[in-house]
Protein backbone atom coordinates (compact mmCIF):
# COMPACT_ATOMS: atom_id res chain seq x y z
CA MET A 1 100.33 88.10 147.61
CA GLU A 2 97.52 90.55 147.67
CA PRO A 3 95.09 91.13 144.72
CA SER A 4 96.10 94.76 144.80
CA LEU A 5 99.50 93.85 144.11
CA TYR A 6 98.58 91.90 140.99
CA TYR A 7 96.67 94.87 139.76
CA VAL A 8 99.70 97.10 140.10
CA ILE A 9 102.14 94.53 138.34
CA GLY A 10 99.44 94.01 135.66
CA ALA A 11 99.10 97.86 135.21
CA GLY A 12 102.84 98.21 134.97
CA LEU A 13 103.02 95.54 132.35
CA VAL A 14 100.29 97.20 130.35
CA LEU A 15 102.04 100.54 130.62
CA ILE A 16 105.39 99.01 129.58
CA VAL A 17 103.67 97.55 126.60
CA LEU A 18 101.85 100.73 125.73
CA ALA A 19 105.03 102.83 126.01
CA PHE A 20 106.78 100.34 123.65
CA VAL A 21 104.05 100.78 121.16
CA VAL A 22 104.02 104.55 121.37
CA GLY A 23 107.82 104.45 121.05
CA LEU A 24 107.46 102.38 117.98
CA LEU A 25 105.02 104.67 116.33
CA ILE A 26 107.18 107.68 117.19
CA SER A 27 110.11 105.96 115.67
CA ARG A 28 108.17 105.19 112.62
CA LYS A 29 106.95 108.66 112.09
CA SER A 30 110.41 109.95 112.64
CA GLY A 31 111.68 107.50 110.02
CA GLU A 32 109.03 108.51 107.55
CA GLY A 33 109.97 112.11 108.11
CA ARG A 34 113.67 111.52 107.34
CA ILE A 35 112.79 109.44 104.11
CA ALA A 36 110.56 112.33 102.88
CA LYS A 37 113.37 114.76 103.49
CA ALA A 38 115.85 112.56 101.66
CA GLU A 39 113.48 112.17 98.77
CA ALA A 40 113.04 115.87 98.51
CA LEU A 41 116.77 116.43 98.64
CA SER A 42 117.44 113.79 95.94
CA THR A 43 114.81 115.35 93.81
CA LYS A 44 116.45 118.82 94.14
CA ILE A 45 119.88 117.33 93.55
CA ILE A 46 118.64 115.62 90.33
CA ALA A 47 116.97 118.80 89.10
CA GLU A 48 120.15 120.94 89.62
CA ALA A 49 122.22 118.15 87.89
CA GLU A 50 119.91 118.16 84.98
CA LYS A 51 120.02 121.86 84.66
CA SER A 52 123.84 121.87 84.92
CA ALA A 53 124.09 119.18 82.19
CA GLU A 54 121.65 121.38 79.92
CA ILE A 55 123.90 124.31 80.48
CA LYS A 56 127.06 122.32 79.70
CA LYS A 57 125.38 120.99 76.65
CA LYS A 58 124.49 124.40 75.35
CA GLU A 59 128.01 125.75 75.97
CA ALA A 60 129.60 122.87 74.21
CA LEU A 61 127.05 123.35 71.15
CA LEU A 62 127.92 127.07 71.16
CA GLU A 63 131.77 126.24 71.14
CA ALA A 64 131.40 123.83 68.35
CA LYS A 65 129.54 126.38 66.28
CA ASP A 66 132.13 128.99 66.88
CA GLU A 67 134.89 126.64 65.84
CA TRP A 68 132.94 125.72 62.79
CA PHE A 69 132.53 129.36 62.04
CA LYS A 70 136.26 130.12 62.42
CA ALA A 71 137.10 127.11 60.15
CA LYS A 72 134.68 128.46 57.60
CA GLN A 73 136.19 131.85 57.56
CA LYS A 74 139.76 130.48 57.35
CA PHE A 75 138.70 128.25 54.36
CA GLU A 76 137.06 131.29 52.64
CA ARG A 77 140.12 133.45 53.22
CA GLU A 78 142.36 130.71 51.82
CA SER A 79 139.98 130.17 48.84
CA GLN A 80 140.04 134.02 47.95
CA LEU A 81 143.98 133.93 48.15
CA LYS A 82 144.15 130.95 45.78
CA LYS A 83 141.56 132.47 43.44
CA ALA A 84 143.66 135.72 43.43
CA GLU A 85 146.98 133.62 42.79
CA ILE A 86 145.35 131.88 39.89
CA ALA A 87 143.82 135.12 38.33
């Protein structure tokens, strides 16, 4: 075989290895980008869930206060009626 053929084969092998390394680097960058997007999305979802939970908590507290107020009014009305019956 001629020496120039060895150079061509050697250069081809070097190019194959170089292409593999470049492909690996591109793949890694792409993966890092996907991970960053997934982390950002998960952070957004968690923030929305926390906000929703806080709203539901406030609604439940408001409803409990409303029920307590209604029960208090009912008790006061019944107390007034009993006082009126006694007097």
